């Protein structure tokens, strides 16, 4: 299946939910910052991701955004501009760890 690279960022208002969402996010992607991840997902993995994360959130207070960055094999560092220190981005491949 075709993979897409997503930038995922979240704002979780409760410490307990925040820890659960962060732990789950690590199953699906590479942490760039505490609440910002790069996730390489195919359509099925994206559905699984949503099914695992949504129940952990209070949808009235919390938010998560997925930004489609395109094909992970062609979207490397050129779509990111870092100020200060930065971590190397994943080269592509499986999104679910």
PDB file of N, CA and C in Angstrom:
ATOM      1  N   UNK A   1       0.827  -1.185   0.000  1.00  0.00           N
ATOM      2  CA  UNK A   1       0.000   0.000   0.000  1.00  0.00           C
ATOM      3  C   UNK A   1       0.876   1.256   0.000  1.00  0.00           C
ATOM      4  N   UNK A   2       0.349   2.297  -0.562  1.00  0.00           N
ATOM      5  CA  UNK A   2       1.048   3.565  -0.655  1.00  0.00           C
ATOM      6  C   UNK A   2       1.114   4.249   0.705  1.00  0.00           C
ATOM      7  N   UNK A   3       2.310   4.605   1.098  1.00  0.00           N
ATOM      8  CA  UNK A   3       2.502   5.324   2.355  1.00  0.00           C
ATOM      9  C   UNK A   3       2.506   6.817   2.101  1.00  0.00           C
ATOM     10  N   UNK A   4       2.056   7.557   3.103  1.00  0.00           N
ATOM     11  CA  UNK A   4       2.103   9.009   3.095  1.00  0.00           C
ATOM     12  C   UNK A   4       2.826   9.441   4.365  1.00  0.00           C
ATOM     13  N   UNK A   5       3.558  10.530   4.264  1.00  0.00           N
ATOM     14  CA  UNK A   5       4.234  11.087   5.444  1.00  0.00           C
ATOM     15  C   UNK A   5       3.344  12.173   6.041  1.00  0.00           C
ATOM     16  N   UNK A   6       3.109  12.065   7.345  1.00  0.00           N
ATOM     17  CA  UNK A   6       2.275  13.033   8.053  1.00  0.00           C
ATOM     18  C   UNK A   6       3.075  13.703   9.156  1.00  0.00           C
ATOM     19  N   UNK A   7       2.837  14.976   9.327  1.00  0.00           N
ATOM     20  CA  UNK A   7       3.284  15.698  10.503  1.00  0.00           C
ATOM     21  C   UNK A   7       2.097  15.676  11.453  1.00  0.00           C
ATOM     22  N   UNK A   8       2.289  15.139  12.635  1.00  0.00           N
ATOM     23  CA  UNK A   8       1.215  15.049  13.628  1.00  0.00           C
ATOM     24  C   UNK A   8       1.610  15.905  14.830  1.00  0.00           C
ATOM     25  N   UNK A   9       0.717  16.801  15.220  1.00  0.00           N
ATOM     26  CA  UNK A   9       0.957  17.647  16.391  1.00  0.00           C
ATOM     27  C   UNK A   9      -0.301  17.648  17.240  1.00  0.00           C
ATOM     28  N   UNK A  10      -0.124  17.602  18.552  1.00  0.00           N
ATOM     29  CA  UNK A  10      -1.294  17.523  19.419  1.00  0.00           C
ATOM     30  C   UNK A  10      -1.170  18.458  20.609  1.00  0.00           C
ATOM     31  N   UNK A  11      -2.334  18.814  21.129  1.00  0.00           N
ATOM     32  CA  UNK A  11      -2.453  19.631  22.334  1.00  0.00           C
ATOM     33  C   UNK A  11      -3.461  18.924  23.229  1.00  0.00           C
ATOM     34  N   UNK A  12      -2.952  18.276  24.271  1.00  0.00           N
ATOM     35  CA  UNK A  12      -3.777  17.498  25.192  1.00  0.00           C
ATOM     36  C   UNK A  12      -3.790  18.235  26.533  1.00  0.00           C
ATOM     37  N   UNK A  13      -4.970  18.517  27.055  1.00  0.00           N
ATOM     38  CA  UNK A  13      -5.135  19.406  28.210  1.00  0.00           C
ATOM     39  C   UNK A  13      -4.976  18.746  29.569  1.00  0.00           C
ATOM     40  N   UNK A  14      -4.897  17.428  29.611  1.00  0.00           N
ATOM     41  CA  UNK A  14      -4.817  16.706  30.884  1.00  0.00           C
ATOM     42  C   UNK A  14      -3.539  15.864  30.887  1.00  0.00           C
ATOM     43  N   UNK A  15      -2.799  15.900  31.996  1.00  0.00           N
ATOM     44  CA  UNK A  15      -1.513  15.192  32.082  1.00  0.00           C
ATOM     45  C   UNK A  15      -1.640  13.688  31.827  1.00  0.00           C
ATOM     46  N   UNK A  16      -2.659  13.061  32.394  1.00  0.00           N
ATOM     47  CA  UNK A  16      -2.836  11.616  32.213  1.00  0.00           C
ATOM     48  C   UNK A  16      -3.118  11.291  30.746  1.00  0.00           C
ATOM     49  N   UNK A  17      -4.030  12.027  30.124  1.00  0.00           N
ATOM     50  CA  UNK A  17      -4.326  11.796  28.702  1.00  0.00           C
ATOM     51  C   UNK A  17      -3.101  12.102  27.843  1.00  0.00           C
ATOM     52  N   UNK A  18      -2.375  13.145  28.218  1.00  0.00           N
ATOM     53  CA  UNK A  18      -1.164  13.525  27.480  1.00  0.00           C
ATOM     54  C   UNK A  18      -0.165  12.378  27.451  1.00  0.00           C
ATOM     55  N   UNK A  19       0.084  11.761  28.590  1.00  0.00           N
ATOM     56  CA  UNK A  19       1.030  10.638  28.648  1.00  0.00           C
ATOM     57  C   UNK A  19       0.545   9.465  27.798  1.00  0.00           C
ATOM     58  N   UNK A  20      -0.762   9.174  27.852  1.00  0.00           N
ATOM     59  CA  UNK A  20      -1.309   8.061  27.066  1.00  0.00           C
ATOM     60  C   UNK A  20      -1.218   8.334  25.563  1.00  0.00           C
ATOM     61  N   UNK A  21      -1.541   9.552  25.170  1.00  0.00           N
ATOM     62  CA  UNK A  21      -1.451   9.898  23.745  1.00  0.00           C
ATOM     63  C   UNK A  21      -0.001   9.846  23.284  1.00  0.00           C
ATOM     64  N   UNK A  22       0.913  10.392  24.074  1.00  0.00           N
ATOM     65  CA  UNK A  22       2.337  10.378  23.694  1.00  0.00           C
ATOM     66  C   UNK A  22       2.852   8.944  23.533  1.00  0.00           C
ATOM     67  N   UNK A  23       2.500   8.091  24.472  1.00  0.00           N
ATOM     68  CA  UNK A  23       2.923   6.686  24.395  1.00  0.00           C
ATOM     69  C   UNK A  23       2.377   6.027  23.129  1.00  0.00           C
ATOM     70  N   UNK A  24       1.126   6.292  22.809  1.00  0.00           N
ATOM     71  CA  UNK A  24       0.517   5.719  21.612  1.00  0.00           C
ATOM     72  C   UNK A  24       1.145   6.296  20.346  1.00  0.00           C
ATOM     73  N   UNK A  25       1.440   7.584  20.355  1.00  0.00           N
ATOM     74  CA  UNK A  25       2.060   8.215  19.186  1.00  0.00           C
ATOM     75  C   UNK A  25       3.398   7.561  18.856  1.00  0.00           C
ATOM     76  N   UNK A  26       4.134   7.136  19.877  1.00  0.00           N
ATOM     77  CA  UNK A  26       5.431   6.490  19.634  1.00  0.00           C
ATOM     78  C   UNK A  26       5.274   5.153  18.920  1.00  0.00           C
ATOM     79  N   UNK A  27       4.083   4.549  18.957  1.00  0.00           N
ATOM     80  CA  UNK A  27       3.828   3.315  18.218  1.00  0.00           C
ATOM     81  C   UNK A  27       3.723   3.587  16.717  1.00  0.00           C
ATOM     82  N   UNK A  28       3.395   4.816  16.349  1.00  0.00           N
ATOM     83  CA  UNK A  28       3.092   5.140  14.960  1.00  0.00           C
ATOM     84  C   UNK A  28       4.092   6.067  14.289  1.00  0.00           C
ATOM     85  N   UNK A  29       4.976   6.679  15.054  1.00  0.00           N
ATOM     86  CA  UNK A  29       5.847   7.641  14.405  1.00  0.00           C
ATOM     87  C   UNK A  29       7.111   7.953  15.161  1.00  0.00           C
ATOM     88  N   UNK A  30       7.822   8.913  14.616  1.00  0.00           N
ATOM     89  CA  UNK A  30       9.118   9.364  15.077  1.00  0.00           C
ATOM     90  C   UNK A  30       8.939  10.718  15.770  1.00  0.00           C
ATOM     91  N   UNK A  31       9.293  10.822  17.060  1.00  0.00           N
ATOM     92  CA  UNK A  31       9.101  12.100  17.756  1.00  0.00           C
ATOM     93  C   UNK A  31      10.129  13.142  17.323  1.00  0.00           C
ATOM     94  N   UNK A  32       9.634  14.292  16.864  1.00  0.00           N
ATOM     95  CA  UNK A  32      10.515  15.424  16.543  1.00  0.00           C
ATOM     96  C   UNK A  32      10.662  16.314  17.771  1.00  0.00           C
ATOM     97  N   UNK A  33       9.534  16.544  18.436  1.00  0.00           N
ATOM     98  CA  UNK A  33       9.476  17.274  19.686  1.00  0.00           C
ATOM     99  C   UNK A  33       8.433  16.555  20.527  1.00  0.00           C
ATOM    100  N   UNK A  34       8.225  16.994  21.762  1.00  0.00           N
ATOM    101  CA  UNK A  34       7.345  16.216  22.639  1.00  0.00           C
ATOM    102  C   UNK A  34       5.964  15.987  22.044  1.00  0.00           C
ATOM    103  N   UNK A  35       5.367  16.974  21.448  1.00  0.00           N
ATOM    104  CA  UNK A  35       4.015  16.798  20.913  1.00  0.00           C
ATOM    105  C   UNK A  35       3.960  16.907  19.387  1.00  0.00           C
ATOM    106  N   UNK A  36       5.090  16.668  18.730  1.00  0.00           N
ATOM    107  CA  UNK A  36       5.166  16.719  17.270  1.00  0.00           C
ATOM    108  C   UNK A  36       5.861  15.452  16.777  1.00  0.00           C
ATOM    109  N   UNK A  37       5.194  14.751  15.884  1.00  0.00           N
ATOM    110  CA  UNK A  37       5.704  13.488  15.358  1.00  0.00           C
ATOM    111  C   UNK A  37       5.685  13.491  13.836  1.00  0.00           C
ATOM    112  N   UNK A  38       6.554  12.681  13.243  1.00  0.00           N
ATOM    113  CA  UNK A  38       6.503  12.345  11.821  1.00  0.00           C
ATOM    114  C   UNK A  38       6.022  10.904  11.757  1.00  0.00           C
ATOM    115  N   UNK A  39       4.953  10.668  11.006  1.00  0.00           N
ATOM    116  CA  UNK A  39       4.370   9.333  10.882  1.00  0.00           C
ATOM    117  C   UNK A  39       4.258   8.963   9.411  1.00  0.00           C
ATOM    118  N   UNK A  40       4.831   7.841   9.019  1.00  0.00           N
ATOM    119  CA  UNK A  40       4.692   7.314   7.665  1.00  0.00           C
ATOM    120  C   UNK A  40       3.635   6.218   7.723  1.00  0.00           C
ATOM    121  N   UNK A  41       2.464   6.471   7.158  1.00  0.00           N
ATOM    122  CA  UNK A  41       1.325   5.569   7.299  1.00  0.00           C
ATOM    123  C   UNK A  41       0.688   5.270   5.951  1.00  0.00           C
ATOM    124  N   UNK A  42       0.238   4.032   5.793  1.00  0.00           N
ATOM    125  CA  UNK A  42      -0.628   3.734   4.658  1.00  0.00           C
ATOM    126  C   UNK A  42      -2.076   3.942   5.127  1.00  0.00           C
ATOM    127  N   UNK A  43      -3.030   3.755   4.232  1.00  0.00           N
ATOM    128  CA  UNK A  43      -4.434   4.045   4.569  1.00  0.00           C
ATOM    129  C   UNK A  43      -4.932   3.215   5.749  1.00  0.00           C
ATOM    130  N   UNK A  44      -4.560   1.942   5.778  1.00  0.00           N
ATOM    131  CA  UNK A  44      -4.986   1.059   6.863  1.00  0.00           C
ATOM    132  C   UNK A  44      -4.364   1.472   8.199  1.00  0.00           C
ATOM    133  N   UNK A  45      -3.087   1.812   8.178  1.00  0.00           N
ATOM    134  CA  UNK A  45      -2.407   2.244   9.400  1.00  0.00           C
ATOM    135  C   UNK A  45      -2.978   3.565   9.908  1.00  0.00           C
ATOM    136  N   UNK A  46      -3.380   4.440   8.995  1.00  0.00           N
ATOM    137  CA  UNK A  46      -3.978   5.719   9.409  1.00  0.00           C
ATOM    138  C   UNK A  46      -5.295   5.475  10.134  1.00  0.00           C
ATOM    139  N   UNK A  47      -6.080   4.530   9.657  1.00  0.00           N
ATOM    140  CA  UNK A  47      -7.337   4.186  10.330  1.00  0.00           C
ATOM    141  C   UNK A  47      -7.052   3.615  11.713  1.00  0.00           C
ATOM    142  N   UNK A  48      -6.087   2.703  11.795  1.00  0.00           N
ATOM    143  CA  UNK A  48      -5.702   2.107  13.077  1.00  0.00           C
ATOM    144  C   UNK A  48      -5.215   3.185  14.041  1.00  0.00           C
ATOM    145  N   UNK A  49      -4.409   4.104  13.527  1.00  0.00           N
ATOM    146  CA  UNK A  49      -3.915   5.226  14.324  1.00  0.00           C
ATOM    147  C   UNK A  49      -5.085   5.993  14.941  1.00  0.00           C
ATOM    148  N   UNK A  50      -6.046   6.377  14.110  1.00  0.00           N
ATOM    149  CA  UNK A  50      -7.199   7.143  14.606  1.00  0.00           C
ATOM    150  C   UNK A  50      -7.999   6.348  15.632  1.00  0.00           C
ATOM    151  N   UNK A  51      -8.176   5.050  15.380  1.00  0.00           N
ATOM    152  CA  UNK A  51      -8.952   4.212  16.302  1.00  0.00           C
ATOM    153  C   UNK A  51      -8.272   4.083  17.656  1.00  0.00           C
ATOM    154  N   UNK A  52      -6.934   4.159  17.692  1.00  0.00           N
ATOM    155  CA  UNK A  52      -6.220   4.045  18.963  1.00  0.00           C
ATOM    156  C   UNK A  52      -6.116   5.378  19.701  1.00  0.00           C
ATOM    157  N   UNK A  53      -5.970   6.476  18.952  1.00  0.00           N
ATOM    158  CA  UNK A  53      -5.740   7.777  19.583  1.00  0.00           C
ATOM    159  C   UNK A  53      -7.040   8.455  20.024  1.00  0.00           C
ATOM    160  N   UNK A  54      -8.055   8.419  19.180  1.00  0.00           N
ATOM    161  CA  UNK A  54      -9.299   9.141  19.493  1.00  0.00           C
ATOM    162  C   UNK A  54      -9.906   8.778  20.845  1.00  0.00           C
ATOM    163  N   UNK A  55      -9.961   7.493  21.230  1.00  0.00           N
ATOM    164  CA  UNK A  55     -10.542   7.173  22.540  1.00  0.00           C
ATOM    165  C   UNK A  55      -9.741   7.712  23.726  1.00  0.00           C
ATOM    166  N   UNK A  56      -8.476   8.058  23.499  1.00  0.00           N
ATOM    167  CA  UNK A  56      -7.630   8.578  24.577  1.00  0.00           C
ATOM    168  C   UNK A  56      -7.842  10.071  24.810  1.00  0.00           C
ATOM    169  N   UNK A  57      -8.463  10.727  23.839  1.00  0.00           N
ATOM    170  CA  UNK A  57      -8.621  12.177  23.872  1.00  0.00           C
ATOM    171  C   UNK A  57      -9.997  12.586  24.384  1.00  0.00           C
ATOM    172  N   UNK A  58     -10.060  13.762  24.966  1.00  0.00           N
ATOM    173  CA  UNK A  58     -11.330  14.418  25.239  1.00  0.00           C
ATOM    174  C   UNK A  58     -11.530  15.366  24.060  1.00  0.00           C
ATOM    175  N   UNK A  59     -12.393  14.981  23.132  1.00  0.00           N
ATOM    176  CA  UNK A  59     -12.523  15.735  21.892  1.00  0.00           C
ATOM    177  C   UNK A  59     -13.142  17.117  22.083  1.00  0.00           C
ATOM    178  N   UNK A  60     -13.645  17.407  23.266  1.00  0.00           N
ATOM    179  CA  UNK A  60     -14.154  18.751  23.560  1.00  0.00           C
ATOM    180  C   UNK A  60     -13.030  19.685  23.991  1.00  0.00           C
ATOM    181  N   UNK A  61     -11.907  19.129  24.458  1.00  0.00           N
ATOM    182  CA  UNK A  61     -10.824  19.953  24.986  1.00  0.00           C
ATOM    183  C   UNK A  61      -9.490  19.759  24.260  1.00  0.00           C
ATOM    184  N   UNK A  62      -9.246  18.562  23.758  1.00  0.00           N
ATOM    185  CA  UNK A  62      -7.958  18.215  23.153  1.00  0.00           C
ATOM    186  C   UNK A  62      -8.027  18.343  21.632  1.00  0.00           C
ATOM    187  N   UNK A  63      -6.856  18.447  21.018  1.00  0.00           N
ATOM    188  CA  UNK A  63      -6.814  18.471  19.555  1.00  0.00           C
ATOM    189  C   UNK A  63      -5.563  17.772  19.051  1.00  0.00           C
ATOM    190  N   UNK A  64      -5.673  17.235  17.849  1.00  0.00           N
ATOM    191  CA  UNK A  64      -4.559  16.616  17.150  1.00  0.00           C
ATOM    192  C   UNK A  64      -4.732  16.962  15.683  1.00  0.00           C
ATOM    193  N   UNK A  65      -3.662  17.393  15.048  1.00  0.00           N
ATOM    194  CA  UNK A  65      -3.709  17.716  13.623  1.00  0.00           C
ATOM    195  C   UNK A  65      -2.749  16.799  12.878  1.00  0.00           C
ATOM    196  N   UNK A  66      -3.196  16.301  11.725  1.00  0.00           N
ATOM    197  CA  UNK A  66      -2.362  15.523  10.814  1.00  0.00           C
ATOM    198  C   UNK A  66      -2.190  16.349   9.547  1.00  0.00           C
ATOM    199  N   UNK A  67      -0.954  16.624   9.183  1.00  0.00           N
ATOM    200  CA  UNK A  67      -0.663  17.373   7.971  1.00  0.00           C
ATOM    201  C   UNK A  67      -0.003  16.418   6.990  1.00  0.00           C
ATOM    202  N   UNK A  68      -0.631  16.206   5.833  1.00  0.00           N
ATOM    203  CA  UNK A  68      -0.115  15.290   4.818  1.00  0.00           C
ATOM    204  C   UNK A  68       1.053  15.954   4.100  1.00  0.00           C
ATOM    205  N   UNK A  69       2.238  15.372   4.245  1.00  0.00           N
ATOM    206  CA  UNK A  69       3.445  15.914   3.618  1.00  0.00           C
ATOM    207  C   UNK A  69       3.794  15.197   2.311  1.00  0.00           C
ATOM    208  N   UNK A  70       3.028  14.157   1.965  1.00  0.00           N
ATOM    209  CA  UNK A  70       3.268  13.470   0.701  1.00  0.00           C
ATOM    210  C   UNK A  70       4.020  12.167   0.856  1.00  0.00           C
ATOM    211  N   UNK A  71       4.598  11.726  -0.244  1.00  0.00           N
ATOM    212  CA  UNK A  71       5.335  10.463  -0.335  1.00  0.00           C
ATOM    213  C   UNK A  71       6.601  10.536   0.523  1.00  0.00           C
ATOM    214  N   UNK A  72       6.759   9.628   1.493  1.00  0.00           N
ATOM    215  CA  UNK A  72       7.923   9.711   2.387  1.00  0.00           C
ATOM    216  C   UNK A  72       9.256   9.509   1.674  1.00  0.00           C
ATOM    217  N   UNK A  73       9.250   8.842   0.522  1.00  0.00           N
ATOM    218  CA  UNK A  73      10.519   8.622  -0.175  1.00  0.00           C
ATOM    219  C   UNK A  73      11.003   9.885  -0.875  1.00  0.00           C
ATOM    220  N   UNK A  74      10.121  10.871  -1.066  1.00  0.00           N
ATOM    221  CA  UNK A  74      10.525  12.097  -1.740  1.00  0.00           C
ATOM    222  C   UNK A  74      10.446  13.316  -0.836  1.00  0.00           C
ATOM    223  N   UNK A  75       9.940  13.159   0.392  1.00  0.00           N
ATOM    224  CA  UNK A  75       9.794  14.295   1.303  1.00  0.00           C
ATOM    225  C   UNK A  75      10.760  14.147   2.467  1.00  0.00           C
ATOM    226  N   UNK A  76      11.970  14.564   2.252  1.00  0.00           N
ATOM    227  CA  UNK A  76      12.960  14.517   3.315  1.00  0.00           C
ATOM    228  C   UNK A  76      13.044  15.847   4.023  1.00  0.00           C
ATOM    229  N   UNK A  77      14.237  16.327   4.168  1.00  0.00           N
ATOM    230  CA  UNK A  77      14.462  17.571   4.898  1.00  0.00           C
ATOM    231  C   UNK A  77      14.026  18.814   4.151  1.00  0.00           C
ATOM    232  N   UNK A  78      13.812  18.724   2.832  1.00  0.00           N
ATOM    233  CA  UNK A  78      13.516  19.936   2.066  1.00  0.00           C
ATOM    234  C   UNK A  78      12.215  20.622   2.481  1.00  0.00           C
ATOM    235  N   UNK A  79      11.309  19.917   3.123  1.00  0.00           N
ATOM    236  CA  UNK A  79      10.050  20.560   3.526  1.00  0.00           C
ATOM    237  C   UNK A  79      10.097  21.046   4.977  1.00  0.00           C
ATOM    238  N   UNK A  80      11.262  20.967   5.624  1.00  0.00           N
ATOM    239  CA  UNK A  80      11.414  21.420   7.004  1.00  0.00           C
ATOM    240  C   UNK A  80      12.493  22.481   7.082  1.00  0.00           C
ATOM    241  N   UNK A  81      12.261  23.465   7.895  1.00  0.00           N
ATOM    242  CA  UNK A  81      13.283  24.457   8.201  1.00  0.00           C
ATOM    243  C   UNK A  81      13.448  24.485   9.713  1.00  0.00           C
ATOM    244  N   UNK A  82      14.622  24.156  10.178  1.00  0.00           N
ATOM    245  CA  UNK A  82      14.889  24.102  11.609  1.00  0.00           C
ATOM    246  C   UNK A  82      15.618  25.354  12.054  1.00  0.00           C
ATOM    247  N   UNK A  83      15.256  25.842  13.217  1.00  0.00           N
ATOM    248  CA  UNK A  83      15.985  26.908  13.884  1.00  0.00           C
ATOM    249  C   UNK A  83      16.488  26.321  15.189  1.00  0.00           C
ATOM    250  N   UNK A  84      17.749  26.462  15.459  1.00  0.00           N
ATOM    251  CA  UNK A  84      18.309  25.819  16.645  1.00  0.00           C
ATOM    252  C   UNK A  84      18.632  24.368  16.350  1.00  0.00           C
ATOM    253  N   UNK A  85      18.605  23.535  17.363  1.00  0.00           N
ATOM    254  CA  UNK A  85      18.963  22.135  17.180  1.00  0.00           C
ATOM    255  C   UNK A  85      17.845  21.382  16.469  1.00  0.00           C
ATOM    256  N   UNK A  86      18.214  20.302  15.822  1.00  0.00           N
ATOM    257  CA  UNK A  86      17.220  19.472  15.139  1.00  0.00           C
ATOM    258  C   UNK A  86      17.649  18.021  15.201  1.00  0.00           C
ATOM    259  N   UNK A  87      16.677  17.147  15.107  1.00  0.00           N
ATOM    260  CA  UNK A  87      16.930  15.719  15.059  1.00  0.00           C
ATOM    261  C   UNK A  87      16.888  15.272  13.602  1.00  0.00           C
ATOM    262  N   UNK A  88      17.631  14.238  13.239  1.00  0.00           N
ATOM    263  CA  UNK A  88      17.534  13.736  11.868  1.00  0.00           C
ATOM    264  C   UNK A  88      16.145  13.117  11.652  1.00  0.00           C
ATOM    265  N   UNK A  89      15.579  13.353  10.485  1.00  0.00           N
ATOM    266  CA  UNK A  89      14.263  12.795  10.162  1.00  0.00           C
ATOM    267  C   UNK A  89      14.397  11.365   9.667  1.00  0.00           C
ATOM    268  N   UNK A  90      13.348  10.561   9.826  1.00  0.00           N
ATOM    269  CA  UNK A  90      13.410   9.193   9.313  1.00  0.00           C
ATOM    270  C   UNK A  90      13.532   9.208   7.803  1.00  0.00           C
ATOM    271  N   UNK A  91      14.188   8.204   7.249  1.00  0.00           N
ATOM    272  CA  UNK A  91      14.392   8.111   5.802  1.00  0.00           C
ATOM    273  C   UNK A  91      13.175   7.554   5.090  1.00  0.00           C
ATOM    274  N   UNK A  92      12.190   7.074   5.823  1.00  0.00           N
ATOM    275  CA  UNK A  92      11.005   6.433   5.235  1.00  0.00           C
ATOM    276  C   UNK A  92      10.918   5.013   5.746  1.00  0.00           C
ATOM    277  N   UNK A  93       9.939   4.306   5.273  1.00  0.00           N
ATOM    278  CA  UNK A  93       9.787   2.936   5.710  1.00  0.00           C
ATOM    279  C   UNK A  93       8.587   2.787   6.622  1.00  0.00           C
ATOM    280  N   UNK A  94       8.551   1.711   7.378  1.00  0.00           N
ATOM    281  CA  UNK A  94       7.387   1.428   8.208  1.00  0.00           C
ATOM    282  C   UNK A  94       7.102   2.570   9.178  1.00  0.00           C
ATOM    283  N   UNK A  95       5.820   2.882   9.311  1.00  0.00           N
ATOM    284  CA  UNK A  95       5.412   3.924  10.233  1.00  0.00           C
ATOM    285  C   UNK A  95       5.077   3.363  11.604  1.00  0.00           C
ATOM    286  N   UNK A  96       4.620   2.125  11.638  1.00  0.00           N
ATOM    287  CA  UNK A  96       4.243   1.528  12.915  1.00  0.00           C
ATOM    288  C   UNK A  96       5.426   0.760  13.450  1.00  0.00           C
ATOM    289  N   UNK A  97       5.798   1.086  14.681  1.00  0.00           N
ATOM    290  CA  UNK A  97       6.963   0.475  15.313  1.00  0.00           C
ATOM    291  C   UNK A  97       6.539  -0.788  16.031  1.00  0.00           C
TER     292      UNK A  97
END
